[in-house]
Amino acid sequence: MPENCLFCKIVRGEIPAEKLYEDEDVVAFRDIAPQAPLHVLVIPKKHLDGPAAVSAEDEGVVGKMMRVGNEIAVREGFPQYRTVCNNGAQAGQTVFHLHMHILGGRSMAWPPG
């Protein structure tokens, strides 16, 4: 794991986070600057720079991220939600560790951004 990656530091326990789920592959925690009543980030423990870095061997963890995000949203009372996964700075990615936003509890405009 890169030493200076914010999310790798959360995985290692060096930075506190309000974790809602953790297992050997993924961690889910509340966003510190929520953009909706529900705003959770789901990340793999393995450092991947973003969606474009996902290889065939990583497909299982990406599926787990989707499942965990859904379980948290439903448990928190938001069965309708949006998932967002940005790839690159131009797309809005600010932390270059693969992560999925789970947003719920308000109307979402389309197109986004």
N, C-alpha and C. Protein backbone atom coordinates (compact mmCIF):
# COMPACT_ATOMS: atom_id res chain seq x y z
N MET A 1 0.85 -1.19 0.00
CA MET A 1 0.00 0.00 0.00
C MET A 1 0.88 1.24 0.00
N PRO A 2 0.57 2.20 -0.83
CA PRO A 2 1.33 3.45 -0.82
C PRO A 2 1.25 4.14 0.55
N GLU A 3 2.36 4.63 1.01
CA GLU A 3 2.41 5.24 2.34
C GLU A 3 1.58 6.51 2.45
N ASN A 4 1.48 7.30 1.38
CA ASN A 4 0.79 8.59 1.46
C ASN A 4 -0.66 8.57 1.00
N CYS A 5 -1.18 7.40 0.64
CA CYS A 5 -2.56 7.30 0.18
C CYS A 5 -3.50 7.43 1.38
N LEU A 6 -4.42 8.40 1.32
CA LEU A 6 -5.37 8.64 2.40
C LEU A 6 -6.16 7.38 2.75
N PHE A 7 -6.69 6.70 1.75
CA PHE A 7 -7.52 5.53 2.02
C PHE A 7 -6.69 4.35 2.51
N CYS A 8 -5.44 4.22 2.05
CA CYS A 8 -4.57 3.17 2.59
C CYS A 8 -4.29 3.43 4.08
N LYS A 9 -4.19 4.70 4.45
CA LYS A 9 -4.00 5.04 5.87
C LYS A 9 -5.22 4.66 6.69
N ILE A 10 -6.41 4.82 6.12
CA ILE A 10 -7.64 4.39 6.81
C ILE A 10 -7.63 2.87 6.96
N VAL A 11 -7.27 2.16 5.91
CA VAL A 11 -7.19 0.69 5.96
C VAL A 11 -6.22 0.25 7.06
N ARG A 12 -5.08 0.92 7.16
CA ARG A 12 -4.06 0.56 8.16
C ARG A 12 -4.43 1.04 9.56
N GLY A 13 -5.47 1.85 9.70
CA GLY A 13 -5.86 2.35 11.01
C GLY A 13 -5.10 3.58 11.45
N GLU A 14 -4.38 4.21 10.54
CA GLU A 14 -3.60 5.40 10.88
C GLU A 14 -4.46 6.65 10.91
N ILE A 15 -5.57 6.64 10.21
CA ILE A 15 -6.53 7.75 10.19
C ILE A 15 -7.88 7.17 10.60
N PRO A 16 -8.54 7.80 11.57
CA PRO A 16 -9.84 7.27 12.01
C PRO A 16 -10.93 7.49 10.96
N ALA A 17 -11.88 6.59 10.95
CA ALA A 17 -13.04 6.69 10.06
C ALA A 17 -14.21 6.02 10.76
N GLU A 18 -15.41 6.49 10.48
CA GLU A 18 -16.61 5.87 11.02
C GLU A 18 -16.96 4.68 10.13
N LYS A 19 -16.37 3.55 10.47
CA LYS A 19 -16.54 2.34 9.65
C LYS A 19 -17.92 1.72 9.89
N LEU A 20 -18.54 1.35 8.78
CA LEU A 20 -19.83 0.68 8.82
C LEU A 20 -19.71 -0.79 8.45
N TYR A 21 -18.59 -1.15 7.85
CA TYR A 21 -18.36 -2.53 7.43
C TYR A 21 -16.86 -2.71 7.21
N GLU A 22 -16.36 -3.89 7.57
CA GLU A 22 -14.98 -4.24 7.27
C GLU A 22 -14.85 -5.74 7.26
N ASP A 23 -14.14 -6.25 6.25
CA ASP A 23 -13.75 -7.65 6.21
C ASP A 23 -12.34 -7.72 5.63
N GLU A 24 -11.92 -8.88 5.19
CA GLU A 24 -10.55 -9.04 4.70
C GLU A 24 -10.30 -8.33 3.38
N ASP A 25 -11.36 -7.96 2.65
CA ASP A 25 -11.21 -7.38 1.33
C ASP A 25 -11.60 -5.91 1.21
N VAL A 26 -12.62 -5.48 1.94
CA VAL A 26 -13.16 -4.13 1.76
C VAL A 26 -13.44 -3.45 3.09
N VAL A 27 -13.53 -2.13 3.03
CA VAL A 27 -13.91 -1.29 4.16
C VAL A 27 -14.93 -0.29 3.65
N ALA A 28 -15.96 -0.03 4.45
CA ALA A 28 -16.96 0.99 4.12
C ALA A 28 -17.05 1.94 5.30
N PHE A 29 -17.08 3.24 4.98
CA PHE A 29 -17.12 4.25 6.04
C PHE A 29 -17.85 5.48 5.55
N ARG A 30 -18.32 6.29 6.50
CA ARG A 30 -19.04 7.52 6.15
C ARG A 30 -18.07 8.55 5.59
N ASP A 31 -18.52 9.27 4.57
CA ASP A 31 -17.73 10.35 3.98
C ASP A 31 -17.65 11.50 4.98
N ILE A 32 -16.49 12.12 5.11
CA ILE A 32 -16.34 13.22 6.08
C ILE A 32 -16.97 14.52 5.59
N ALA A 33 -17.30 14.60 4.30
CA ALA A 33 -17.98 15.77 3.74
C ALA A 33 -19.20 15.29 2.96
N PRO A 34 -20.23 14.81 3.66
CA PRO A 34 -21.36 14.18 2.96
C PRO A 34 -22.10 15.12 2.03
N GLN A 35 -22.47 14.57 0.87
CA GLN A 35 -23.21 15.31 -0.16
C GLN A 35 -24.68 14.89 -0.21
N ALA A 36 -25.07 14.02 0.71
CA ALA A 36 -26.45 13.54 0.80
C ALA A 36 -26.64 12.99 2.21
N PRO A 37 -27.89 12.79 2.65
CA PRO A 37 -28.11 12.21 3.97
C PRO A 37 -27.36 10.89 4.18
N LEU A 38 -27.29 10.08 3.14
CA LEU A 38 -26.43 8.89 3.17
C LEU A 38 -25.29 9.15 2.20
N HIS A 39 -24.07 9.11 2.71
CA HIS A 39 -22.89 9.24 1.84
C HIS A 39 -21.81 8.35 2.45
N VAL A 40 -21.67 7.19 1.86
CA VAL A 40 -20.73 6.18 2.33
C VAL A 40 -19.73 5.90 1.23
N LEU A 41 -18.49 5.63 1.61
CA LEU A 41 -17.46 5.21 0.67
C LEU A 41 -17.17 3.74 0.92
N VAL A 42 -17.07 2.97 -0.15
CA VAL A 42 -16.68 1.57 -0.06
C VAL A 42 -15.39 1.43 -0.85
N ILE A 43 -14.35 0.90 -0.20
CA ILE A 43 -13.03 0.79 -0.83
C ILE A 43 -12.48 -0.62 -0.68
N PRO A 44 -11.65 -1.04 -1.63
CA PRO A 44 -10.93 -2.29 -1.43
C PRO A 44 -9.73 -2.04 -0.51
N LYS A 45 -9.36 -3.03 0.27
CA LYS A 45 -8.16 -2.89 1.10
C LYS A 45 -6.90 -2.88 0.24
N LYS A 46 -6.95 -3.60 -0.87
CA LYS A 46 -5.83 -3.60 -1.82
C LYS A 46 -5.83 -2.25 -2.54
N HIS A 47 -4.68 -1.62 -2.62
CA HIS A 47 -4.60 -0.34 -3.32
C HIS A 47 -4.71 -0.57 -4.82
N LEU A 48 -5.70 0.09 -5.41
CA LEU A 48 -5.86 0.19 -6.86
C LEU A 48 -6.08 1.67 -7.13
N ASP A 49 -5.40 2.24 -8.10
CA ASP A 49 -5.49 3.68 -8.34
C ASP A 49 -6.89 4.16 -8.68
N GLY A 50 -7.68 3.34 -9.32
CA GLY A 50 -9.03 3.73 -9.72
C GLY A 50 -9.65 2.62 -10.55
N PRO A 51 -10.83 2.85 -11.11
CA PRO A 51 -11.50 1.82 -11.90
C PRO A 51 -10.66 1.26 -13.04
N ALA A 52 -9.86 2.09 -13.69
CA ALA A 52 -9.05 1.61 -14.81
C ALA A 52 -7.96 0.64 -14.38
N ALA A 53 -7.65 0.61 -13.09
CA ALA A 53 -6.61 -0.29 -12.59
C ALA A 53 -7.15 -1.67 -12.21
N VAL A 54 -8.46 -1.87 -12.32
CA VAL A 54 -9.06 -3.15 -11.94
C VAL A 54 -8.72 -4.19 -13.00
N SER A 55 -8.14 -5.30 -12.56
CA SER A 55 -7.81 -6.41 -13.46
C SER A 55 -8.80 -7.54 -13.24
N ALA A 56 -8.68 -8.58 -14.05
CA ALA A 56 -9.57 -9.73 -13.92
C ALA A 56 -9.50 -10.32 -12.51
N GLU A 57 -8.33 -10.32 -11.91
CA GLU A 57 -8.20 -10.88 -10.56
C GLU A 57 -8.89 -10.03 -9.50
N ASP A 58 -9.21 -8.78 -9.82
CA ASP A 58 -9.87 -7.88 -8.87
C ASP A 58 -11.39 -7.86 -9.01
N GLU A 59 -11.93 -8.56 -9.99
CA GLU A 59 -13.37 -8.50 -10.24
C GLU A 59 -14.20 -8.92 -9.04
N GLY A 60 -13.72 -9.89 -8.28
CA GLY A 60 -14.47 -10.36 -7.11
C GLY A 60 -14.61 -9.28 -6.06
N VAL A 61 -13.57 -8.52 -5.82
CA VAL A 61 -13.64 -7.47 -4.80
C VAL A 61 -14.54 -6.33 -5.28
N VAL A 62 -14.59 -6.06 -6.56
CA VAL A 62 -15.48 -5.01 -7.08
C VAL A 62 -16.93 -5.44 -6.89
N GLY A 63 -17.23 -6.69 -7.15
CA GLY A 63 -18.57 -7.20 -6.89
C GLY A 63 -18.92 -7.12 -5.42
N LYS A 64 -17.96 -7.42 -4.56
CA LYS A 64 -18.19 -7.32 -3.12
C LYS A 64 -18.47 -5.88 -2.72
N MET A 65 -17.76 -4.93 -3.33
CA MET A 65 -18.00 -3.51 -3.03
C MET A 65 -19.45 -3.15 -3.34
N MET A 66 -19.97 -3.62 -4.48
CA MET A 66 -21.36 -3.35 -4.85
C MET A 66 -22.32 -3.96 -3.84
N ARG A 67 -22.08 -5.21 -3.46
CA ARG A 67 -22.96 -5.90 -2.51
C ARG A 67 -22.95 -5.20 -1.16
N VAL A 68 -21.77 -4.86 -0.66
CA VAL A 68 -21.65 -4.19 0.64
C VAL A 68 -22.33 -2.83 0.59
N GLY A 69 -22.15 -2.07 -0.49
CA GLY A 69 -22.80 -0.78 -0.62
C GLY A 69 -24.31 -0.91 -0.54
N ASN A 70 -24.86 -1.90 -1.24
CA ASN A 70 -26.30 -2.12 -1.20
C ASN A 70 -26.76 -2.49 0.21
N GLU A 71 -26.05 -3.39 0.85
CA GLU A 71 -26.44 -3.82 2.20
C GLU A 71 -26.45 -2.64 3.17
N ILE A 72 -25.45 -1.78 3.08
CA ILE A 72 -25.40 -0.62 3.97
C ILE A 72 -26.55 0.33 3.68
N ALA A 73 -26.79 0.63 2.41
CA ALA A 73 -27.86 1.55 2.04
C ALA A 73 -29.21 1.05 2.56
N VAL A 74 -29.50 -0.22 2.36
CA VAL A 74 -30.77 -0.79 2.82
C VAL A 74 -30.84 -0.75 4.34
N ARG A 75 -29.76 -1.15 5.01
CA ARG A 75 -29.72 -1.14 6.48
C ARG A 75 -29.93 0.26 7.04
N GLU A 76 -29.40 1.27 6.35
CA GLU A 76 -29.52 2.65 6.81
C GLU A 76 -30.87 3.27 6.44
N GLY A 77 -31.71 2.53 5.72
CA GLY A 77 -33.04 3.01 5.37
C GLY A 77 -33.13 3.74 4.05
N PHE A 78 -32.17 3.50 3.15
CA PHE A 78 -32.14 4.15 1.85
C PHE A 78 -32.06 3.10 0.74
N PRO A 79 -33.18 2.39 0.45
CA PRO A 79 -33.13 1.35 -0.57
C PRO A 79 -32.97 1.89 -1.99
N GLN A 80 -33.19 3.20 -2.17
CA GLN A 80 -32.94 3.83 -3.47
C GLN A 80 -31.74 4.75 -3.29
N TYR A 81 -30.73 4.55 -4.10
CA TYR A 81 -29.47 5.27 -3.92
C TYR A 81 -28.73 5.34 -5.24
N ARG A 82 -27.70 6.15 -5.26
CA ARG A 82 -26.83 6.27 -6.43
C ARG A 82 -25.45 5.77 -6.05
N THR A 83 -24.80 5.08 -6.98
CA THR A 83 -23.40 4.72 -6.81
C THR A 83 -22.59 5.58 -7.78
N VAL A 84 -21.44 6.04 -7.34
CA VAL A 84 -20.55 6.86 -8.17
C VAL A 84 -19.14 6.32 -8.01
N CYS A 85 -18.49 6.13 -9.12
CA CYS A 85 -17.10 5.68 -9.12
C CYS A 85 -16.38 6.48 -10.20
N ASN A 86 -15.55 7.43 -9.79
CA ASN A 86 -14.85 8.32 -10.72
C ASN A 86 -13.51 7.71 -11.13
N ASN A 87 -13.12 7.97 -12.36
CA ASN A 87 -11.84 7.48 -12.87
C ASN A 87 -11.04 8.65 -13.45
N GLY A 88 -10.11 9.17 -12.67
CA GLY A 88 -9.25 10.25 -13.12
C GLY A 88 -9.72 11.62 -12.65
N ALA A 89 -8.79 12.54 -12.62
CA ALA A 89 -9.05 13.89 -12.11
C ALA A 89 -10.14 14.61 -12.90
N GLN A 90 -10.14 14.48 -14.22
CA GLN A 90 -11.15 15.16 -15.03
C GLN A 90 -12.56 14.66 -14.71
N ALA A 91 -12.67 13.42 -14.25
CA ALA A 91 -13.97 12.84 -13.89
C ALA A 91 -14.35 13.17 -12.46
N GLY A 92 -13.46 13.82 -11.72
CA GLY A 92 -13.77 14.21 -10.35
C GLY A 92 -13.10 13.38 -9.28
N GLN A 93 -12.23 12.46 -9.67
CA GLN A 93 -11.53 11.65 -8.66
C GLN A 93 -10.50 12.51 -7.95
N THR A 94 -10.58 12.55 -6.62
CA THR A 94 -9.63 13.35 -5.84
C THR A 94 -8.72 12.50 -4.97
N VAL A 95 -9.15 11.29 -4.64
CA VAL A 95 -8.30 10.34 -3.92
C VAL A 95 -8.07 9.19 -4.89
N PHE A 96 -6.81 8.94 -5.22
CA PHE A 96 -6.48 7.97 -6.26
C PHE A 96 -6.27 6.58 -5.66
N HIS A 97 -7.35 6.11 -5.05
CA HIS A 97 -7.51 4.75 -4.53
C HIS A 97 -8.95 4.41 -4.91
N LEU A 98 -9.15 3.30 -5.61
CA LEU A 98 -10.49 2.92 -6.05
C LEU A 98 -11.48 3.08 -4.90
N HIS A 99 -12.58 3.77 -5.16
CA HIS A 99 -13.64 3.90 -4.16
C HIS A 99 -14.97 4.13 -4.84
N MET A 100 -16.00 3.69 -4.17
CA MET A 100 -17.35 3.84 -4.67
C MET A 100 -18.15 4.64 -3.65
N HIS A 101 -18.79 5.71 -4.12
CA HIS A 101 -19.67 6.52 -3.28
C HIS A 101 -21.06 5.88 -3.31
N ILE A 102 -21.71 5.79 -2.17
CA ILE A 102 -23.11 5.40 -2.07
C ILE A 102 -23.84 6.63 -1.54
N LEU A 103 -24.73 7.19 -2.35
CA LEU A 103 -25.44 8.42 -2.00
C LEU A 103 -26.94 8.16 -2.00
N GLY A 104 -27.62 8.58 -0.94
CA GLY A 104 -29.06 8.39 -0.87
C GLY A 104 -29.72 9.39 0.04
N GLY A 105 -31.04 9.44 -0.05
CA GLY A 105 -31.81 10.29 0.85
C GLY A 105 -32.17 11.65 0.28
N ARG A 106 -31.87 11.89 -0.98
CA ARG A 106 -32.28 13.13 -1.64
C ARG A 106 -32.43 12.83 -3.12
N SER A 107 -33.13 13.71 -3.82
CA SER A 107 -33.28 13.55 -5.26
C SER A 107 -31.93 13.76 -5.94
N MET A 108 -31.67 12.97 -6.94
CA MET A 108 -30.43 13.06 -7.70
C MET A 108 -30.75 13.57 -9.11
N ALA A 109 -30.05 14.59 -9.55
CA ALA A 109 -30.26 15.16 -10.88
C ALA A 109 -29.58 14.29 -11.93
N TRP A 110 -30.07 14.40 -13.15
CA TRP A 110 -29.43 13.74 -14.29
C TRP A 110 -29.43 14.70 -15.47
N PRO A 111 -28.35 14.93 -16.15
CA PRO A 111 -27.08 14.25 -15.91
C PRO A 111 -26.37 14.81 -14.69
N PRO A 112 -25.52 14.00 -14.06
CA PRO A 112 -24.78 14.48 -12.89
C PRO A 112 -23.67 15.44 -13.31
N GLY A 113 -23.20 16.20 -12.34
CA GLY A 113 -22.05 17.07 -12.58
C GLY A 113 -22.34 18.34 -13.30
